[in-house]
N, C-alpha and C. Protein backbone atom coordinates (compact mmCIF):
# COMPACT_ATOMS: atom_id res chain seq x y z
N MET A 1 0.85 -1.17 0.00
CA MET A 1 0.00 0.00 0.00
C MET A 1 0.90 1.24 0.00
N PRO A 2 0.68 2.18 -0.94
CA PRO A 2 1.53 3.37 -0.97
C PRO A 2 1.29 4.26 0.23
N SER A 3 2.37 4.88 0.68
CA SER A 3 2.21 5.78 1.82
C SER A 3 1.63 7.11 1.35
N THR A 4 0.83 7.70 2.20
CA THR A 4 0.27 9.02 1.91
C THR A 4 1.09 10.04 2.66
N THR A 5 1.67 10.95 1.93
CA THR A 5 2.44 11.98 2.60
C THR A 5 1.49 12.99 3.22
N ARG A 6 1.99 13.70 4.19
CA ARG A 6 1.19 14.73 4.84
C ARG A 6 0.71 15.76 3.82
N ARG A 7 1.59 16.13 2.89
CA ARG A 7 1.22 17.13 1.89
C ARG A 7 0.06 16.62 1.03
N ASN A 8 0.12 15.40 0.58
CA ASN A 8 -0.95 14.86 -0.26
C ASN A 8 -2.24 14.72 0.52
N ARG A 9 -2.16 14.30 1.74
CA ARG A 9 -3.35 14.09 2.56
C ARG A 9 -4.05 15.41 2.86
N ARG A 10 -3.29 16.46 3.09
CA ARG A 10 -3.88 17.75 3.46
C ARG A 10 -4.07 18.69 2.27
N GLY A 11 -3.53 18.37 1.13
CA GLY A 11 -3.66 19.26 -0.01
C GLY A 11 -2.82 20.51 0.10
N ASP A 12 -1.72 20.44 0.83
CA ASP A 12 -0.87 21.62 1.01
C ASP A 12 -0.12 21.97 -0.27
N THR A 13 0.07 23.25 -0.44
CA THR A 13 0.91 23.78 -1.50
C THR A 13 2.26 24.08 -0.88
N PRO A 14 3.34 23.55 -1.44
CA PRO A 14 4.65 23.79 -0.83
C PRO A 14 5.07 25.24 -0.97
N PRO A 15 6.04 25.67 -0.14
CA PRO A 15 6.56 27.04 -0.25
C PRO A 15 7.08 27.30 -1.67
N PRO A 16 7.10 28.56 -2.06
CA PRO A 16 7.46 28.88 -3.44
C PRO A 16 8.95 28.74 -3.72
N ARG A 17 9.25 28.48 -4.96
CA ARG A 17 10.63 28.61 -5.45
C ARG A 17 10.74 30.05 -5.90
N THR A 18 11.78 30.70 -5.51
CA THR A 18 11.92 32.12 -5.84
C THR A 18 13.28 32.37 -6.46
N GLY A 19 13.47 33.58 -6.90
CA GLY A 19 14.79 34.01 -7.37
C GLY A 19 15.73 34.13 -6.19
N SER A 20 16.90 34.64 -6.43
CA SER A 20 17.90 34.68 -5.37
C SER A 20 18.04 36.04 -4.70
N SER A 21 17.47 37.09 -5.26
CA SER A 21 17.61 38.41 -4.62
C SER A 21 16.68 38.50 -3.41
N VAL A 22 17.03 39.38 -2.50
CA VAL A 22 16.21 39.59 -1.31
C VAL A 22 14.78 39.92 -1.70
N THR A 23 14.61 40.82 -2.63
CA THR A 23 13.28 41.24 -3.04
C THR A 23 12.50 40.09 -3.66
N GLU A 24 13.13 39.28 -4.50
CA GLU A 24 12.44 38.15 -5.12
C GLU A 24 11.99 37.13 -4.08
N VAL A 25 12.83 36.87 -3.10
CA VAL A 25 12.47 35.92 -2.04
C VAL A 25 11.31 36.46 -1.21
N LEU A 26 11.42 37.71 -0.78
CA LEU A 26 10.36 38.29 0.05
C LEU A 26 9.04 38.37 -0.71
N ARG A 27 9.08 38.83 -1.93
CA ARG A 27 7.84 38.92 -2.72
C ARG A 27 7.26 37.54 -3.00
N GLY A 28 8.10 36.57 -3.25
CA GLY A 28 7.62 35.20 -3.49
C GLY A 28 6.87 34.66 -2.29
N PHE A 29 7.43 34.84 -1.10
CA PHE A 29 6.77 34.34 0.09
C PHE A 29 5.52 35.15 0.42
N LEU A 30 5.54 36.45 0.21
CA LEU A 30 4.35 37.26 0.46
C LEU A 30 3.23 36.84 -0.49
N ASP A 31 3.52 36.68 -1.75
CA ASP A 31 2.48 36.26 -2.70
C ASP A 31 1.94 34.87 -2.36
N TYR A 32 2.80 34.00 -1.90
CA TYR A 32 2.37 32.65 -1.46
C TYR A 32 1.36 32.75 -0.31
N LEU A 33 1.65 33.60 0.67
CA LEU A 33 0.73 33.77 1.79
C LEU A 33 -0.56 34.47 1.36
N ARG A 34 -0.44 35.45 0.48
CA ARG A 34 -1.62 36.15 -0.02
C ARG A 34 -2.56 35.17 -0.72
N THR A 35 -2.01 34.32 -1.56
CA THR A 35 -2.81 33.33 -2.27
C THR A 35 -3.46 32.36 -1.29
N SER A 36 -2.70 31.95 -0.28
CA SER A 36 -3.20 31.00 0.71
C SER A 36 -4.40 31.54 1.48
N ILE A 37 -4.31 32.78 1.96
CA ILE A 37 -5.42 33.30 2.77
C ILE A 37 -6.64 33.61 1.91
N ALA A 38 -6.43 34.08 0.69
CA ALA A 38 -7.58 34.33 -0.19
C ALA A 38 -8.30 33.02 -0.49
N ALA A 39 -7.54 31.94 -0.71
CA ALA A 39 -8.15 30.64 -0.97
C ALA A 39 -8.90 30.12 0.26
N LYS A 40 -8.42 30.43 1.45
CA LYS A 40 -9.09 30.01 2.69
C LYS A 40 -10.47 30.62 2.81
N VAL A 41 -10.59 31.88 2.36
CA VAL A 41 -11.85 32.61 2.50
C VAL A 41 -12.78 32.34 1.32
N ASP A 42 -12.22 32.24 0.13
CA ASP A 42 -13.01 32.06 -1.08
C ASP A 42 -13.84 30.78 -0.97
N GLY A 43 -15.14 30.92 -1.14
CA GLY A 43 -16.03 29.78 -1.10
C GLY A 43 -16.47 29.36 0.29
N ALA A 44 -16.05 30.06 1.32
CA ALA A 44 -16.48 29.72 2.69
C ALA A 44 -17.98 30.04 2.81
N PRO A 45 -18.70 29.21 3.54
CA PRO A 45 -20.15 29.36 3.61
C PRO A 45 -20.62 30.50 4.53
N GLU A 46 -21.72 31.10 4.15
CA GLU A 46 -22.44 32.06 5.00
C GLU A 46 -23.34 31.26 5.94
N PRO A 47 -23.62 31.70 7.10
CA PRO A 47 -23.11 32.89 7.78
C PRO A 47 -21.83 32.61 8.55
N GLN A 48 -21.34 31.37 8.51
CA GLN A 48 -20.16 31.00 9.30
C GLN A 48 -18.93 31.83 8.97
N VAL A 49 -18.80 32.28 7.72
CA VAL A 49 -17.64 33.04 7.30
C VAL A 49 -17.50 34.36 8.06
N ARG A 50 -18.61 34.87 8.59
CA ARG A 50 -18.56 36.14 9.34
C ARG A 50 -18.92 35.95 10.81
N THR A 51 -19.09 34.73 11.23
CA THR A 51 -19.42 34.43 12.62
C THR A 51 -18.14 34.34 13.44
N ALA A 52 -18.14 34.97 14.60
CA ALA A 52 -16.97 34.95 15.48
C ALA A 52 -16.65 33.51 15.88
N ALA A 53 -15.40 33.13 15.71
CA ALA A 53 -14.97 31.79 16.05
C ALA A 53 -14.34 31.72 17.44
N VAL A 54 -13.99 32.88 17.98
CA VAL A 54 -13.34 32.97 19.28
C VAL A 54 -13.91 34.18 20.02
N PRO A 55 -13.72 34.24 21.34
CA PRO A 55 -14.29 35.36 22.11
C PRO A 55 -13.87 36.76 21.64
N SER A 56 -12.71 36.89 20.99
CA SER A 56 -12.28 38.22 20.52
C SER A 56 -13.12 38.73 19.36
N GLY A 57 -13.92 37.87 18.76
CA GLY A 57 -14.76 38.27 17.63
C GLY A 57 -14.14 37.98 16.28
N THR A 58 -12.95 37.40 16.25
CA THR A 58 -12.27 37.11 14.99
C THR A 58 -13.11 36.18 14.13
N ASN A 59 -13.26 36.58 12.86
CA ASN A 59 -14.00 35.75 11.89
C ASN A 59 -13.24 35.75 10.58
N LEU A 60 -13.53 34.78 9.76
CA LEU A 60 -12.78 34.57 8.53
C LEU A 60 -12.88 35.75 7.56
N LEU A 61 -14.08 36.24 7.33
CA LEU A 61 -14.26 37.34 6.39
C LEU A 61 -13.60 38.62 6.92
N GLY A 62 -13.68 38.84 8.21
CA GLY A 62 -13.05 40.00 8.82
C GLY A 62 -11.54 39.99 8.69
N LEU A 63 -10.93 38.82 8.77
CA LEU A 63 -9.48 38.73 8.61
C LEU A 63 -9.05 39.21 7.23
N LEU A 64 -9.78 38.77 6.20
CA LEU A 64 -9.41 39.18 4.85
C LEU A 64 -9.71 40.66 4.62
N ASN A 65 -10.80 41.15 5.19
CA ASN A 65 -11.12 42.57 5.10
C ASN A 65 -9.99 43.39 5.74
N HIS A 66 -9.53 42.96 6.91
CA HIS A 66 -8.42 43.64 7.59
C HIS A 66 -7.16 43.66 6.72
N LEU A 67 -6.81 42.51 6.15
CA LEU A 67 -5.60 42.45 5.33
C LEU A 67 -5.71 43.33 4.08
N THR A 68 -6.91 43.51 3.58
CA THR A 68 -7.11 44.43 2.45
C THR A 68 -6.71 45.84 2.87
N HIS A 69 -7.15 46.25 4.05
CA HIS A 69 -6.79 47.58 4.55
C HIS A 69 -5.29 47.71 4.82
N VAL A 70 -4.67 46.65 5.32
CA VAL A 70 -3.23 46.69 5.59
C VAL A 70 -2.46 46.83 4.28
N GLU A 71 -2.82 46.06 3.26
CA GLU A 71 -2.17 46.17 1.95
C GLU A 71 -2.31 47.59 1.41
N ARG A 72 -3.51 48.11 1.48
CA ARG A 72 -3.77 49.45 0.94
C ARG A 72 -3.01 50.52 1.73
N ARG A 73 -2.90 50.36 3.03
CA ARG A 73 -2.16 51.32 3.85
C ARG A 73 -0.67 51.26 3.53
N MET A 74 -0.13 50.05 3.51
CA MET A 74 1.31 49.87 3.37
C MET A 74 1.81 50.29 1.99
N PHE A 75 1.11 49.88 0.95
CA PHE A 75 1.63 50.07 -0.40
C PHE A 75 0.94 51.16 -1.20
N LEU A 76 -0.26 51.55 -0.80
CA LEU A 76 -1.00 52.55 -1.57
C LEU A 76 -1.18 53.86 -0.81
N GLY A 77 -0.77 53.87 0.47
CA GLY A 77 -0.82 55.09 1.26
C GLY A 77 -2.17 55.45 1.83
N ASP A 78 -3.15 54.52 1.76
CA ASP A 78 -4.47 54.82 2.32
C ASP A 78 -4.38 55.07 3.82
N ASP A 79 -5.22 55.93 4.32
CA ASP A 79 -5.29 56.23 5.74
C ASP A 79 -6.31 55.30 6.39
N VAL A 80 -5.99 54.80 7.56
CA VAL A 80 -6.92 53.98 8.34
C VAL A 80 -7.04 54.64 9.71
N THR A 81 -8.25 55.00 10.08
CA THR A 81 -8.44 55.69 11.36
C THR A 81 -8.86 54.76 12.48
N ASP A 82 -9.42 53.59 12.14
CA ASP A 82 -9.88 52.64 13.16
C ASP A 82 -9.53 51.23 12.72
N TRP A 83 -8.35 50.78 13.16
CA TRP A 83 -7.90 49.45 12.75
C TRP A 83 -8.84 48.35 13.24
N GLN A 84 -9.37 48.49 14.44
CA GLN A 84 -10.26 47.46 14.97
C GLN A 84 -11.48 47.27 14.06
N ALA A 85 -11.99 48.36 13.50
CA ALA A 85 -13.16 48.26 12.63
C ALA A 85 -12.87 47.48 11.35
N THR A 86 -11.60 47.40 10.95
CA THR A 86 -11.27 46.69 9.71
C THR A 86 -11.44 45.18 9.86
N PHE A 87 -11.59 44.69 11.08
CA PHE A 87 -11.76 43.26 11.29
C PHE A 87 -13.19 42.77 11.08
N GLN A 88 -14.07 43.64 10.62
CA GLN A 88 -15.44 43.26 10.31
C GLN A 88 -15.77 43.71 8.89
N ALA A 89 -16.31 42.81 8.10
CA ALA A 89 -16.80 43.18 6.77
C ALA A 89 -18.20 43.77 6.95
N ALA A 90 -18.60 44.61 6.02
CA ALA A 90 -19.94 45.19 6.06
C ALA A 90 -20.99 44.08 5.90
N PRO A 91 -22.13 44.22 6.55
CA PRO A 91 -23.16 43.17 6.48
C PRO A 91 -23.59 42.84 5.05
N GLU A 92 -23.56 43.83 4.16
CA GLU A 92 -23.99 43.58 2.78
C GLU A 92 -22.90 42.96 1.90
N ASP A 93 -21.66 42.89 2.41
CA ASP A 93 -20.57 42.30 1.64
C ASP A 93 -20.74 40.80 1.49
N ARG A 94 -20.65 40.34 0.26
CA ARG A 94 -20.62 38.90 0.02
C ARG A 94 -19.16 38.43 0.09
N VAL A 95 -18.98 37.15 0.28
CA VAL A 95 -17.62 36.59 0.33
C VAL A 95 -16.86 36.97 -0.94
N ALA A 96 -17.49 36.80 -2.08
CA ALA A 96 -16.83 37.11 -3.35
C ALA A 96 -16.41 38.57 -3.43
N ASP A 97 -17.21 39.48 -2.84
CA ASP A 97 -16.86 40.91 -2.85
C ASP A 97 -15.58 41.16 -2.07
N VAL A 98 -15.49 40.59 -0.88
CA VAL A 98 -14.32 40.81 -0.02
C VAL A 98 -13.08 40.18 -0.64
N VAL A 99 -13.22 38.99 -1.20
CA VAL A 99 -12.09 38.33 -1.86
C VAL A 99 -11.63 39.17 -3.06
N ALA A 100 -12.57 39.68 -3.85
CA ALA A 100 -12.22 40.49 -5.02
C ALA A 100 -11.52 41.78 -4.61
N ARG A 101 -11.99 42.42 -3.53
CA ARG A 101 -11.33 43.65 -3.06
C ARG A 101 -9.91 43.36 -2.58
N TYR A 102 -9.73 42.22 -1.91
CA TYR A 102 -8.40 41.85 -1.46
C TYR A 102 -7.48 41.61 -2.66
N ARG A 103 -7.95 40.84 -3.61
CA ARG A 103 -7.12 40.55 -4.79
C ARG A 103 -6.80 41.82 -5.56
N ASP A 104 -7.73 42.76 -5.62
CA ASP A 104 -7.48 44.04 -6.28
C ASP A 104 -6.41 44.83 -5.52
N ALA A 105 -6.50 44.86 -4.21
CA ALA A 105 -5.50 45.57 -3.40
C ALA A 105 -4.12 44.95 -3.60
N VAL A 106 -4.06 43.62 -3.65
CA VAL A 106 -2.78 42.93 -3.87
C VAL A 106 -2.23 43.27 -5.24
N GLU A 107 -3.07 43.27 -6.25
CA GLU A 107 -2.62 43.59 -7.61
C GLU A 107 -2.08 45.03 -7.67
N ARG A 108 -2.79 45.94 -7.06
CA ARG A 108 -2.34 47.34 -7.04
C ARG A 108 -1.05 47.50 -6.24
N ALA A 109 -0.94 46.77 -5.12
CA ALA A 109 0.29 46.80 -4.32
C ALA A 109 1.45 46.25 -5.13
N ASN A 110 1.22 45.17 -5.86
CA ASN A 110 2.28 44.60 -6.68
C ASN A 110 2.70 45.55 -7.81
N ASP A 111 1.76 46.32 -8.33
CA ASP A 111 2.12 47.33 -9.34
C ASP A 111 3.11 48.34 -8.74
N VAL A 112 2.86 48.74 -7.50
CA VAL A 112 3.77 49.66 -6.82
C VAL A 112 5.12 48.98 -6.62
N LEU A 113 5.10 47.75 -6.13
CA LEU A 113 6.35 47.04 -5.86
C LEU A 113 7.15 46.77 -7.13
N ASP A 114 6.46 46.59 -8.25
CA ASP A 114 7.18 46.36 -9.52
C ASP A 114 8.07 47.54 -9.89
N ARG A 115 7.72 48.71 -9.40
CA ARG A 115 8.50 49.91 -9.71
C ARG A 115 9.63 50.14 -8.70
N CYS A 116 9.71 49.32 -7.68
CA CYS A 116 10.73 49.48 -6.63
C CYS A 116 11.94 48.61 -6.96
N THR A 117 13.06 49.24 -7.22
CA THR A 117 14.26 48.50 -7.59
C THR A 117 15.26 48.38 -6.45
N ASP A 118 15.12 49.22 -5.43
CA ASP A 118 16.06 49.23 -4.30
C ASP A 118 15.31 48.84 -3.04
N PRO A 119 15.62 47.66 -2.45
CA PRO A 119 14.89 47.25 -1.25
C PRO A 119 15.11 48.17 -0.05
N GLY A 120 16.14 48.99 -0.10
CA GLY A 120 16.40 49.92 1.00
C GLY A 120 15.70 51.26 0.84
N ALA A 121 15.13 51.49 -0.33
CA ALA A 121 14.44 52.76 -0.59
C ALA A 121 13.05 52.73 0.06
N PRO A 122 12.51 53.90 0.36
CA PRO A 122 11.16 53.94 0.94
C PRO A 122 10.11 53.49 -0.06
N VAL A 123 9.05 52.88 0.46
CA VAL A 123 7.90 52.52 -0.37
C VAL A 123 7.32 53.83 -0.89
N PRO A 124 7.13 53.93 -2.21
CA PRO A 124 6.55 55.17 -2.73
C PRO A 124 5.06 55.25 -2.37
N GLY A 125 4.56 56.45 -2.36
CA GLY A 125 3.14 56.61 -2.10
C GLY A 125 2.87 57.83 -1.25
N PRO A 126 1.64 58.22 -1.24
CA PRO A 126 1.28 59.44 -0.49
C PRO A 126 1.30 59.20 1.02
N ARG A 127 2.24 59.81 1.68
CA ARG A 127 2.33 59.78 3.14
C ARG A 127 2.68 61.19 3.59
N PRO A 128 1.71 62.08 3.61
CA PRO A 128 1.99 63.48 3.93
C PRO A 128 2.77 63.62 5.23
N GLY A 129 3.89 64.33 5.13
CA GLY A 129 4.66 64.65 6.33
C GLY A 129 5.62 63.59 6.80
N ARG A 130 5.67 62.44 6.16
CA ARG A 130 6.63 61.43 6.61
C ARG A 130 6.92 60.44 5.48
N PRO A 131 8.15 59.94 5.43
CA PRO A 131 8.50 58.97 4.38
C PRO A 131 7.94 57.60 4.72
N GLY A 132 7.74 56.80 3.71
CA GLY A 132 7.29 55.44 3.93
C GLY A 132 8.44 54.58 4.44
N PRO A 133 8.13 53.40 4.96
CA PRO A 133 9.18 52.48 5.39
C PRO A 133 9.94 51.95 4.18
N SER A 134 11.07 51.34 4.41
CA SER A 134 11.81 50.76 3.29
C SER A 134 11.00 49.62 2.68
N VAL A 135 11.25 49.35 1.42
CA VAL A 135 10.58 48.24 0.73
C VAL A 135 10.87 46.94 1.48
N ARG A 136 12.10 46.74 1.89
CA ARG A 136 12.49 45.52 2.62
C ARG A 136 11.67 45.38 3.89
N TRP A 137 11.55 46.47 4.66
CA TRP A 137 10.79 46.43 5.91
C TRP A 137 9.31 46.17 5.61
N ALA A 138 8.78 46.84 4.61
CA ALA A 138 7.36 46.69 4.28
C ALA A 138 7.05 45.24 3.87
N LEU A 139 7.91 44.66 3.05
CA LEU A 139 7.68 43.27 2.63
C LEU A 139 7.78 42.32 3.82
N THR A 140 8.77 42.53 4.67
CA THR A 140 8.93 41.66 5.84
C THR A 140 7.73 41.80 6.77
N HIS A 141 7.29 43.02 7.00
CA HIS A 141 6.11 43.23 7.85
C HIS A 141 4.88 42.57 7.24
N MET A 142 4.70 42.69 5.94
CA MET A 142 3.52 42.11 5.31
C MET A 142 3.55 40.58 5.33
N ILE A 143 4.74 39.99 5.26
CA ILE A 143 4.85 38.53 5.42
C ILE A 143 4.41 38.15 6.83
N GLU A 144 4.89 38.89 7.82
CA GLU A 144 4.52 38.60 9.21
C GLU A 144 3.01 38.78 9.41
N GLU A 145 2.48 39.89 8.95
CA GLU A 145 1.06 40.21 9.15
C GLU A 145 0.16 39.20 8.42
N THR A 146 0.48 38.93 7.17
CA THR A 146 -0.34 38.00 6.38
C THR A 146 -0.20 36.58 6.91
N GLY A 147 1.03 36.18 7.27
CA GLY A 147 1.24 34.84 7.82
C GLY A 147 0.50 34.61 9.12
N ARG A 148 0.53 35.61 9.97
CA ARG A 148 -0.18 35.51 11.26
C ARG A 148 -1.67 35.30 11.03
N HIS A 149 -2.25 36.12 10.17
CA HIS A 149 -3.69 36.01 9.94
C HIS A 149 -4.05 34.80 9.08
N ALA A 150 -3.13 34.36 8.23
CA ALA A 150 -3.37 33.12 7.47
C ALA A 150 -3.45 31.93 8.43
N GLY A 151 -2.64 31.95 9.48
CA GLY A 151 -2.72 30.89 10.49
C GLY A 151 -4.06 30.92 11.22
N HIS A 152 -4.51 32.13 11.56
CA HIS A 152 -5.84 32.24 12.17
C HIS A 152 -6.89 31.69 11.21
N ALA A 153 -6.79 32.07 9.94
CA ALA A 153 -7.78 31.64 8.94
C ALA A 153 -7.76 30.11 8.77
N ASP A 154 -6.59 29.49 8.85
CA ASP A 154 -6.52 28.03 8.76
C ASP A 154 -7.38 27.38 9.84
N ILE A 155 -7.23 27.86 11.04
CA ILE A 155 -7.96 27.27 12.17
C ILE A 155 -9.46 27.55 12.05
N ILE A 156 -9.81 28.78 11.73
CA ILE A 156 -11.23 29.13 11.63
C ILE A 156 -11.90 28.35 10.52
N ARG A 157 -11.26 28.23 9.36
CA ARG A 157 -11.87 27.49 8.25
C ARG A 157 -12.05 26.03 8.61
N GLU A 158 -11.09 25.45 9.31
CA GLU A 158 -11.24 24.06 9.73
C GLU A 158 -12.42 23.91 10.69
N LEU A 159 -12.61 24.88 11.59
CA LEU A 159 -13.76 24.85 12.50
C LEU A 159 -15.08 24.99 11.74
N ILE A 160 -15.08 25.74 10.65
CA ILE A 160 -16.31 25.97 9.89
C ILE A 160 -16.74 24.71 9.14
N ASP A 161 -15.84 24.15 8.34
CA ASP A 161 -16.28 23.03 7.48
C ASP A 161 -15.27 21.91 7.35
N GLY A 162 -14.23 21.92 8.19
CA GLY A 162 -13.24 20.84 8.16
C GLY A 162 -12.16 21.00 7.10
N SER A 163 -12.21 22.07 6.31
CA SER A 163 -11.22 22.29 5.26
C SER A 163 -9.86 22.57 5.88
N THR A 164 -8.83 21.86 5.38
CA THR A 164 -7.46 22.07 5.84
C THR A 164 -6.54 22.22 4.64
N GLY A 165 -5.32 22.56 4.90
CA GLY A 165 -4.32 22.70 3.85
C GLY A 165 -4.20 24.13 3.38
N ARG A 166 -3.16 24.38 2.59
CA ARG A 166 -2.93 25.73 2.08
C ARG A 166 -3.39 25.82 0.65
């Protein structure tokens, strides 16, 4: 009887193969995490997708809504006045709407990053009165932020319908 590897049993996607530059590695891993969390939310059933899974109120749709705001803040210069509010999607938002907004924010962020050739240079964008963080810092922070919430999403999605894997 053939052995079933953990990856085959869970349907995991392995980490990406990337180029050798710092920017290529960081962008490769960030895009891997972005794809993973969007897939976790895409197709999740209502109303469970917006139902709090833990006492803090964390829910699957809210996590992706939050990450949309983080992407837009970090790479597009959008202002966010209430970070806590970003953890809830609007009642009229469908899952497909939130996933599409996230993918749009990622695409627009990648357009900005495509123009960045120096990882030590500040992220371009409107930040009145202060420079943006370095591209290297922004990418590292977004890997941390997206990875953290992707882990939350893994657990919540498994609680909703048993779906596992990346």
